[in-house]
Amino acid sequence: MKIKLLDAPILKALLDDSMYFHDVMNAYGIKTSIAFNLPAAIYGFVYKGIKGNYLLVLNGNINYKTQCEVFLHEIKHIISDMPNIGYIIGLDMQHTVLETEHMFV
């Protein structure tokens, strides 16, 4: 099943400022951090902790619209991939099937 989060009202609400980014994060129960020391090629990533909590890290050097899209892209990983795959650690994964099937459309 394809999840169309990028077409969802939640993205529109984020982009037109009718919903604050932190409200969205809290609604999903996900701790989100903006990192300004990530390489330009890394837009963001998600990490599942031992207790089952998620940490979603976004690159602070990309524009707000892209941050919103990356946030929803990482949410797709939480919804679609994490329950099935479990624990993933990877570098240079941007060209893997796991990443390309969730690319922004």
C-alpha atoms as a PDB file:
ATOM      1  CA  MET A   1       0.000   0.000   0.000  1.00  0.00           C
ATOM      2  CA  LYS A   2       1.381   3.394  -0.984  1.00  0.00           C
ATOM      3  CA  ILE A   3       0.951   6.103   1.627  1.00  0.00           C
ATOM      4  CA  LYS A   4       0.304   9.498   0.058  1.00  0.00           C
ATOM      5  CA  LEU A   5       1.384  11.688   2.979  1.00  0.00           C
ATOM      6  CA  LEU A   6       2.833  14.306   0.654  1.00  0.00           C
ATOM      7  CA  ASP A   7      -0.645  14.841  -0.803  1.00  0.00           C
ATOM      8  CA  ALA A   8      -2.264  14.913   2.616  1.00  0.00           C
ATOM      9  CA  PRO A   9      -3.854  17.941   4.275  1.00  0.00           C
ATOM     10  CA  ILE A  10      -1.145  17.757   6.943  1.00  0.00           C
ATOM     11  CA  LEU A  11       1.527  18.900   4.446  1.00  0.00           C
ATOM     12  CA  LYS A  12      -0.697  21.728   3.235  1.00  0.00           C
ATOM     13  CA  ALA A  13      -1.281  22.794   6.850  1.00  0.00           C
ATOM     14  CA  LEU A  14       2.462  22.808   7.495  1.00  0.00           C
ATOM     15  CA  LEU A  15       3.206  24.841   4.385  1.00  0.00           C
ATOM     16  CA  ASP A  16       0.491  27.468   4.895  1.00  0.00           C
ATOM     17  CA  ASP A  17       1.395  27.858   8.607  1.00  0.00           C
ATOM     18  CA  SER A  18      -2.066  26.839   9.846  1.00  0.00           C
ATOM     19  CA  MET A  19      -0.390  24.030  11.807  1.00  0.00           C
ATOM     20  CA  TYR A  20       2.916  24.421  13.600  1.00  0.00           C
ATOM     21  CA  PHE A  21       5.681  21.933  12.910  1.00  0.00           C
ATOM     22  CA  HIS A  22       6.071  21.114  16.634  1.00  0.00           C
ATOM     23  CA  ASP A  23       2.342  20.337  16.877  1.00  0.00           C
ATOM     24  CA  VAL A  24       2.723  17.810  14.076  1.00  0.00           C
ATOM     25  CA  MET A  25       5.721  16.212  15.767  1.00  0.00           C
ATOM     26  CA  ASN A  26       3.874  15.962  19.074  1.00  0.00           C
ATOM     27  CA  ALA A  27       0.831  14.495  17.338  1.00  0.00           C
ATOM     28  CA  TYR A  28       3.000  11.628  16.091  1.00  0.00           C
ATOM     29  CA  GLY A  29       4.762  11.188  19.449  1.00  0.00           C
ATOM     30  CA  ILE A  30       8.139  11.634  17.813  1.00  0.00           C
ATOM     31  CA  LYS A  31      11.042  13.614  19.223  1.00  0.00           C
ATOM     32  CA  THR A  32      12.439  15.717  16.432  1.00  0.00           C
ATOM     33  CA  SER A  33      15.732  17.519  16.329  1.00  0.00           C
ATOM     34  CA  ILE A  34      17.081  20.029  13.844  1.00  0.00           C
ATOM     35  CA  ALA A  35      20.810  19.478  13.291  1.00  0.00           C
ATOM     36  CA  PHE A  36      22.970  22.135  11.684  1.00  0.00           C
ATOM     37  CA  ASN A  37      26.094  19.966  11.503  1.00  0.00           C
ATOM     38  CA  LEU A  38      24.860  17.360   9.003  1.00  0.00           C
ATOM     39  CA  PRO A  39      26.476  17.088   5.562  1.00  0.00           C
ATOM     40  CA  ALA A  40      24.455  18.688   2.760  1.00  0.00           C
ATOM     41  CA  ALA A  41      23.702  15.279   1.224  1.00  0.00           C
ATOM     42  CA  ILE A  42      21.865  14.111   4.359  1.00  0.00           C
ATOM     43  CA  TYR A  43      18.433  15.725   4.590  1.00  0.00           C
ATOM     44  CA  GLY A  44      17.355  13.686   7.603  1.00  0.00           C
ATOM     45  CA  PHE A  45      17.056  10.290   9.224  1.00  0.00           C
ATOM     46  CA  VAL A  46      15.011   8.430  11.805  1.00  0.00           C
ATOM     47  CA  TYR A  47      16.253   6.287  14.672  1.00  0.00           C
ATOM     48  CA  LYS A  48      14.221   3.898  16.814  1.00  0.00           C
ATOM     49  CA  GLY A  49      15.430   3.739  20.400  1.00  0.00           C
ATOM     50  CA  ILE A  50      15.554   0.731  22.704  1.00  0.00           C
ATOM     51  CA  LYS A  51      12.277   1.760  24.383  1.00  0.00           C
ATOM     52  CA  GLY A  52      10.491   2.043  21.027  1.00  0.00           C
ATOM     53  CA  ASN A  53      10.619   5.839  20.838  1.00  0.00           C
ATOM     54  CA  TYR A  54      11.600   7.505  17.598  1.00  0.00           C
ATOM     55  CA  LEU A  55      14.116  10.278  17.094  1.00  0.00           C
ATOM     56  CA  LEU A  56      13.750  12.070  13.790  1.00  0.00           C
ATOM     57  CA  VAL A  57      16.644  14.331  12.817  1.00  0.00           C
ATOM     58  CA  LEU A  58      16.290  16.958  10.087  1.00  0.00           C
ATOM     59  CA  ASN A  59      19.064  18.948   8.440  1.00  0.00           C
ATOM     60  CA  GLY A  60      18.759  22.564   9.603  1.00  0.00           C
ATOM     61  CA  ASN A  61      20.575  23.835   6.527  1.00  0.00           C
ATOM     62  CA  ILE A  62      17.758  22.984   4.105  1.00  0.00           C
ATOM     63  CA  ASN A  63      14.701  25.168   3.531  1.00  0.00           C
ATOM     64  CA  TYR A  64      11.479  24.775   5.513  1.00  0.00           C
ATOM     65  CA  LYS A  65       9.473  23.231   2.650  1.00  0.00           C
ATOM     66  CA  THR A  66      12.130  20.566   2.142  1.00  0.00           C
ATOM     67  CA  GLN A  67      12.258  19.945   5.906  1.00  0.00           C
ATOM     68  CA  CYS A  68       8.488  19.328   5.860  1.00  0.00           C
ATOM     69  CA  GLU A  69       8.832  16.907   2.951  1.00  0.00           C
ATOM     70  CA  VAL A  70      11.739  15.101   4.641  1.00  0.00           C
ATOM     71  CA  PHE A  71       9.742  14.918   7.881  1.00  0.00           C
ATOM     72  CA  LEU A  72       6.875  13.184   6.070  1.00  0.00           C
ATOM     73  CA  HIS A  73       9.339  10.969   4.174  1.00  0.00           C
ATOM     74  CA  GLU A  74      10.780   9.797   7.508  1.00  0.00           C
ATOM     75  CA  ILE A  75       7.243   9.287   8.873  1.00  0.00           C
ATOM     76  CA  LYS A  76       6.704   6.922   5.927  1.00  0.00           C
ATOM     77  CA  HIS A  77       9.710   4.927   7.120  1.00  0.00           C
ATOM     78  CA  ILE A  78       8.220   4.756  10.622  1.00  0.00           C
ATOM     79  CA  ILE A  79       4.825   3.634   9.304  1.00  0.00           C
ATOM     80  CA  SER A  80       5.912   1.325   6.480  1.00  0.00           C
ATOM     81  CA  ASP A  81       9.423   0.092   7.135  1.00  0.00           C
ATOM     82  CA  MET A  82      10.220   0.077  10.831  1.00  0.00           C
ATOM     83  CA  PRO A  83       7.448  -2.360  11.847  1.00  0.00           C
ATOM     84  CA  ASN A  84       8.581  -4.864   9.194  1.00  0.00           C
ATOM     85  CA  ILE A  85      12.335  -4.454   9.135  1.00  0.00           C
ATOM     86  CA  GLY A  86      13.086  -3.509  12.724  1.00  0.00           C
ATOM     87  CA  TYR A  87      16.502  -2.052  13.270  1.00  0.00           C
ATOM     88  CA  ILE A  88      18.259  -0.362  10.350  1.00  0.00           C
ATOM     89  CA  ILE A  89      21.657   1.290  10.405  1.00  0.00           C
ATOM     90  CA  GLY A  90      22.988   2.488   7.112  1.00  0.00           C
ATOM     91  CA  LEU A  91      25.246   4.935   5.398  1.00  0.00           C
ATOM     92  CA  ASP A  92      24.881   5.932   1.771  1.00  0.00           C
ATOM     93  CA  MET A  93      21.406   4.395   1.641  1.00  0.00           C
ATOM     94  CA  GLN A  94      19.928   7.130  -0.574  1.00  0.00           C
ATOM     95  CA  HIS A  95      20.015   4.854  -3.632  1.00  0.00           C
ATOM     96  CA  THR A  96      18.566   1.734  -2.004  1.00  0.00           C
ATOM     97  CA  VAL A  97      15.045   0.466  -2.687  1.00  0.00           C
ATOM     98  CA  LEU A  98      14.139   1.374   0.898  1.00  0.00           C
ATOM     99  CA  GLU A  99      14.809   5.040   0.114  1.00  0.00           C
ATOM    100  CA  THR A 100      13.740   5.304  -3.515  1.00  0.00           C
ATOM    101  CA  GLU A 101      10.293   3.795  -2.941  1.00  0.00           C
ATOM    102  CA  HIS A 102       9.543   6.656  -0.537  1.00  0.00           C
ATOM    103  CA  MET A 103      10.934   9.464  -2.687  1.00  0.00           C
ATOM    104  CA  PHE A 104       8.920  12.665  -2.862  1.00  0.00           C
ATOM    105  CA  VAL A 105       6.361  12.517  -5.653  1.00  0.00           C
END
